N, C-alpha and C. Protein backbone atom coordinates (compact mmCIF):
# COMPACT_ATOMS: atom_id res chain seq x y z
N UNK A 1 129.06 -34.55 129.61
CA UNK A 1 129.27 -33.25 128.99
C UNK A 1 130.67 -32.76 129.35
N UNK A 2 131.33 -32.19 128.38
CA UNK A 2 132.72 -31.76 128.58
C UNK A 2 132.86 -30.71 129.67
N UNK A 3 131.88 -29.85 129.85
CA UNK A 3 131.96 -28.81 130.87
C UNK A 3 132.13 -29.40 132.26
N UNK A 4 131.49 -30.52 132.52
CA UNK A 4 131.64 -31.17 133.82
C UNK A 4 132.97 -31.91 133.91
N UNK A 5 133.44 -32.43 132.79
CA UNK A 5 134.70 -33.16 132.78
C UNK A 5 135.89 -32.24 133.11
N UNK A 6 135.91 -31.04 132.53
CA UNK A 6 137.02 -30.12 132.80
C UNK A 6 136.80 -29.33 134.09
N UNK A 7 135.59 -29.40 134.62
CA UNK A 7 135.23 -28.72 135.87
C UNK A 7 135.53 -27.23 135.76
N UNK A 8 135.67 -26.56 136.85
CA UNK A 8 135.92 -25.11 136.84
C UNK A 8 137.37 -24.78 136.52
N UNK A 9 138.22 -25.79 136.46
CA UNK A 9 139.63 -25.56 136.16
C UNK A 9 139.90 -25.40 134.67
N UNK A 10 138.92 -25.70 133.83
CA UNK A 10 139.12 -25.63 132.39
C UNK A 10 138.00 -24.89 131.69
N UNK A 11 138.16 -24.74 130.41
CA UNK A 11 137.16 -24.06 129.59
C UNK A 11 136.84 -24.91 128.37
N UNK A 12 135.58 -25.00 128.04
CA UNK A 12 135.12 -25.67 126.83
C UNK A 12 134.82 -24.60 125.79
N UNK A 13 135.36 -24.77 124.60
CA UNK A 13 135.09 -23.83 123.52
C UNK A 13 134.24 -24.57 122.49
N UNK A 14 133.04 -24.04 122.23
CA UNK A 14 132.09 -24.68 121.33
C UNK A 14 131.84 -23.79 120.12
N UNK A 15 131.77 -24.41 118.94
CA UNK A 15 131.50 -23.70 117.71
C UNK A 15 130.26 -24.31 117.06
N UNK A 16 129.30 -23.47 116.75
CA UNK A 16 128.07 -23.92 116.07
C UNK A 16 127.66 -22.84 115.07
N UNK A 17 127.85 -23.08 113.78
CA UNK A 17 127.56 -22.04 112.79
C UNK A 17 126.08 -21.83 112.46
N UNK A 18 125.26 -22.84 112.66
CA UNK A 18 123.85 -22.73 112.27
C UNK A 18 123.06 -22.03 113.36
N UNK A 19 122.30 -21.01 112.99
CA UNK A 19 121.68 -20.12 113.97
C UNK A 19 120.69 -20.80 114.92
N UNK A 20 119.85 -21.70 114.44
CA UNK A 20 118.88 -22.36 115.32
C UNK A 20 119.59 -23.29 116.30
N UNK A 21 120.59 -24.01 115.82
CA UNK A 21 121.35 -24.90 116.71
C UNK A 21 122.19 -24.10 117.71
N UNK A 22 122.71 -22.96 117.27
CA UNK A 22 123.46 -22.11 118.18
C UNK A 22 122.54 -21.57 119.29
N UNK A 23 121.32 -21.21 118.93
CA UNK A 23 120.36 -20.74 119.93
C UNK A 23 120.06 -21.83 120.95
N UNK A 24 119.90 -23.08 120.49
CA UNK A 24 119.68 -24.20 121.41
C UNK A 24 120.89 -24.43 122.31
N UNK A 25 122.07 -24.34 121.74
CA UNK A 25 123.29 -24.50 122.53
C UNK A 25 123.38 -23.43 123.61
N UNK A 26 123.14 -22.19 123.23
CA UNK A 26 123.21 -21.09 124.19
C UNK A 26 122.17 -21.24 125.29
N UNK A 27 120.97 -21.66 124.91
CA UNK A 27 119.89 -21.87 125.89
C UNK A 27 120.27 -22.99 126.86
N UNK A 28 120.86 -24.06 126.34
CA UNK A 28 121.27 -25.18 127.18
C UNK A 28 122.37 -24.77 128.16
N UNK A 29 123.30 -23.95 127.70
CA UNK A 29 124.38 -23.46 128.57
C UNK A 29 123.79 -22.65 129.73
N UNK A 30 122.86 -21.76 129.41
CA UNK A 30 122.23 -20.94 130.45
C UNK A 30 121.38 -21.78 131.39
N UNK A 31 120.57 -22.67 130.82
CA UNK A 31 119.66 -23.51 131.61
C UNK A 31 120.43 -24.36 132.62
N UNK A 32 121.57 -24.88 132.19
CA UNK A 32 122.38 -25.75 133.05
C UNK A 32 123.42 -24.99 133.87
N UNK A 33 123.36 -23.66 133.80
CA UNK A 33 124.25 -22.80 134.58
C UNK A 33 125.73 -23.18 134.40
N UNK A 34 126.11 -23.37 133.14
CA UNK A 34 127.48 -23.76 132.82
C UNK A 34 128.28 -22.49 132.52
N UNK A 35 129.20 -22.18 133.41
CA UNK A 35 129.95 -20.93 133.28
C UNK A 35 131.32 -21.11 132.64
N UNK A 36 131.70 -22.35 132.37
CA UNK A 36 133.02 -22.58 131.79
C UNK A 36 132.95 -22.96 130.30
N UNK A 37 131.89 -22.53 129.62
CA UNK A 37 131.75 -22.78 128.19
C UNK A 37 131.72 -21.44 127.45
N UNK A 38 132.54 -21.34 126.42
CA UNK A 38 132.50 -20.18 125.53
C UNK A 38 131.98 -20.69 124.19
N UNK A 39 130.82 -20.18 123.78
CA UNK A 39 130.19 -20.62 122.54
C UNK A 39 130.29 -19.52 121.49
N UNK A 40 130.58 -19.94 120.28
CA UNK A 40 130.72 -19.01 119.16
C UNK A 40 129.86 -19.48 118.00
N UNK A 41 129.15 -18.54 117.39
CA UNK A 41 128.33 -18.89 116.23
C UNK A 41 129.17 -18.69 114.98
N UNK A 42 130.01 -19.66 114.71
CA UNK A 42 130.84 -19.63 113.52
C UNK A 42 131.39 -21.03 113.24
N UNK A 43 131.85 -21.19 112.02
CA UNK A 43 132.49 -22.44 111.62
C UNK A 43 134.00 -22.24 111.73
N UNK A 44 134.71 -23.32 111.99
CA UNK A 44 136.16 -23.26 112.07
C UNK A 44 136.74 -24.16 110.98
N UNK A 45 137.54 -23.54 110.13
CA UNK A 45 138.20 -24.26 109.04
C UNK A 45 139.68 -23.91 109.05
N UNK A 46 140.36 -24.31 107.99
CA UNK A 46 141.79 -24.02 107.89
C UNK A 46 142.08 -22.66 107.25
N UNK A 47 141.03 -21.85 107.02
CA UNK A 47 141.21 -20.52 106.43
C UNK A 47 140.01 -19.64 106.74
N UNK A 48 140.21 -18.33 106.69
CA UNK A 48 139.10 -17.39 106.79
C UNK A 48 138.45 -17.32 105.42
N UNK A 49 137.19 -17.63 105.33
CA UNK A 49 136.56 -17.71 104.02
C UNK A 49 135.04 -17.80 104.17
N UNK A 50 134.35 -17.85 103.05
CA UNK A 50 132.93 -18.18 103.03
C UNK A 50 132.82 -19.62 102.58
N UNK A 51 131.94 -20.37 103.19
CA UNK A 51 131.74 -21.77 102.83
C UNK A 51 130.26 -22.10 102.92
N UNK A 52 129.88 -23.23 102.35
CA UNK A 52 128.48 -23.65 102.44
C UNK A 52 128.29 -24.61 103.59
N UNK A 53 127.25 -24.35 104.35
CA UNK A 53 126.82 -25.26 105.41
C UNK A 53 125.59 -25.96 104.87
N UNK A 54 125.65 -27.27 104.81
CA UNK A 54 124.53 -28.04 104.27
C UNK A 54 123.60 -28.45 105.40
N UNK A 55 122.33 -28.15 105.22
CA UNK A 55 121.29 -28.42 106.22
C UNK A 55 120.42 -29.57 105.75
N UNK A 56 120.05 -30.43 106.66
CA UNK A 56 119.17 -31.54 106.33
C UNK A 56 117.74 -31.09 106.58
N UNK A 57 116.87 -31.28 105.62
CA UNK A 57 115.49 -30.83 105.72
C UNK A 57 114.70 -31.49 106.83
N UNK A 58 114.98 -32.76 107.12
CA UNK A 58 114.19 -33.50 108.11
C UNK A 58 114.85 -33.54 109.49
N UNK A 59 116.14 -33.26 109.56
CA UNK A 59 116.86 -33.37 110.83
C UNK A 59 117.68 -32.10 111.06
N UNK A 60 117.17 -31.15 111.85
CA UNK A 60 117.86 -29.88 112.04
C UNK A 60 119.22 -30.01 112.73
N UNK A 61 119.49 -31.12 113.37
CA UNK A 61 120.78 -31.33 114.01
C UNK A 61 121.83 -31.87 113.06
N UNK A 62 121.41 -32.25 111.86
CA UNK A 62 122.32 -32.82 110.87
C UNK A 62 122.77 -31.73 109.92
N UNK A 63 123.88 -31.09 110.24
CA UNK A 63 124.46 -30.08 109.36
C UNK A 63 125.88 -30.50 109.03
N UNK A 64 126.32 -30.17 107.82
CA UNK A 64 127.66 -30.54 107.38
C UNK A 64 128.27 -29.39 106.60
N UNK A 65 129.55 -29.18 106.79
CA UNK A 65 130.25 -28.17 106.01
C UNK A 65 130.57 -28.66 104.61
N UNK A 66 130.77 -29.94 104.46
CA UNK A 66 131.17 -30.47 103.16
C UNK A 66 130.16 -31.49 102.69
N UNK A 67 129.41 -31.14 101.68
CA UNK A 67 128.39 -32.03 101.13
C UNK A 67 128.88 -32.65 99.84
N UNK A 68 130.06 -33.25 99.87
CA UNK A 68 130.68 -33.78 98.66
C UNK A 68 129.87 -34.93 98.07
N UNK A 69 129.43 -35.85 98.91
CA UNK A 69 128.71 -37.01 98.40
C UNK A 69 127.26 -36.95 98.84
N UNK A 70 126.55 -35.99 98.32
CA UNK A 70 125.12 -35.87 98.65
C UNK A 70 124.36 -36.88 97.80
N UNK A 71 123.82 -37.88 98.46
CA UNK A 71 123.11 -38.93 97.75
C UNK A 71 121.62 -38.60 97.71
N UNK A 72 120.86 -39.49 97.11
CA UNK A 72 119.40 -39.31 97.05
C UNK A 72 118.82 -39.17 98.45
N UNK A 73 119.39 -39.88 99.42
CA UNK A 73 118.92 -39.82 100.80
C UNK A 73 118.99 -38.39 101.34
N UNK A 74 119.96 -37.62 100.90
CA UNK A 74 120.16 -36.26 101.40
C UNK A 74 119.74 -35.21 100.37
N UNK A 75 118.83 -35.55 99.50
CA UNK A 75 118.42 -34.62 98.46
C UNK A 75 117.69 -33.40 99.02
N UNK A 76 117.28 -33.48 100.29
CA UNK A 76 116.57 -32.35 100.90
C UNK A 76 117.54 -31.31 101.47
N UNK A 77 118.82 -31.50 101.29
CA UNK A 77 119.81 -30.56 101.83
C UNK A 77 119.79 -29.25 101.05
N UNK A 78 119.93 -28.18 101.78
CA UNK A 78 120.06 -26.86 101.17
C UNK A 78 121.35 -26.25 101.68
N UNK A 79 122.03 -25.53 100.83
CA UNK A 79 123.29 -24.91 101.24
C UNK A 79 123.08 -23.49 101.75
N UNK A 80 123.68 -23.19 102.87
CA UNK A 80 123.62 -21.87 103.48
C UNK A 80 125.04 -21.31 103.49
N UNK A 81 125.25 -20.14 102.92
CA UNK A 81 126.57 -19.55 102.87
C UNK A 81 126.90 -18.91 104.22
N UNK A 82 128.01 -19.33 104.81
CA UNK A 82 128.40 -18.83 106.14
C UNK A 82 129.88 -18.44 106.12
N UNK A 83 130.25 -17.60 107.06
CA UNK A 83 131.65 -17.22 107.23
C UNK A 83 132.34 -18.26 108.09
N UNK A 84 133.58 -18.55 107.75
CA UNK A 84 134.39 -19.45 108.57
C UNK A 84 135.64 -18.73 109.02
N UNK A 85 136.16 -19.16 110.14
CA UNK A 85 137.36 -18.54 110.72
C UNK A 85 138.45 -19.58 110.87
N UNK A 86 139.67 -19.14 110.70
CA UNK A 86 140.81 -20.02 110.92
C UNK A 86 141.19 -19.95 112.40
N UNK A 87 141.39 -21.11 112.97
CA UNK A 87 141.76 -21.17 114.37
C UNK A 87 143.25 -21.49 114.45
N UNK A 88 143.98 -20.65 115.14
CA UNK A 88 145.43 -20.87 115.25
C UNK A 88 145.81 -21.29 116.63
């Protein structure tokens, strides 16, 4: 885990736009008493905008911002409109 790699001398910045996955991330940070992680519930792109986050129906950990080539295998994906932030 990156938090242990950077130790107390560094900070890990985590971004997770999907609410259920963000809740799991936050719970894991607290459970493992990791104080050098800053978690944000947002997507990071090259602009401030609204974008679609594609969710996989069978695998809640499989989310994608760009569902350009959604094949039959991923036909269970649903798009969720989320805000994205530009990171400078």
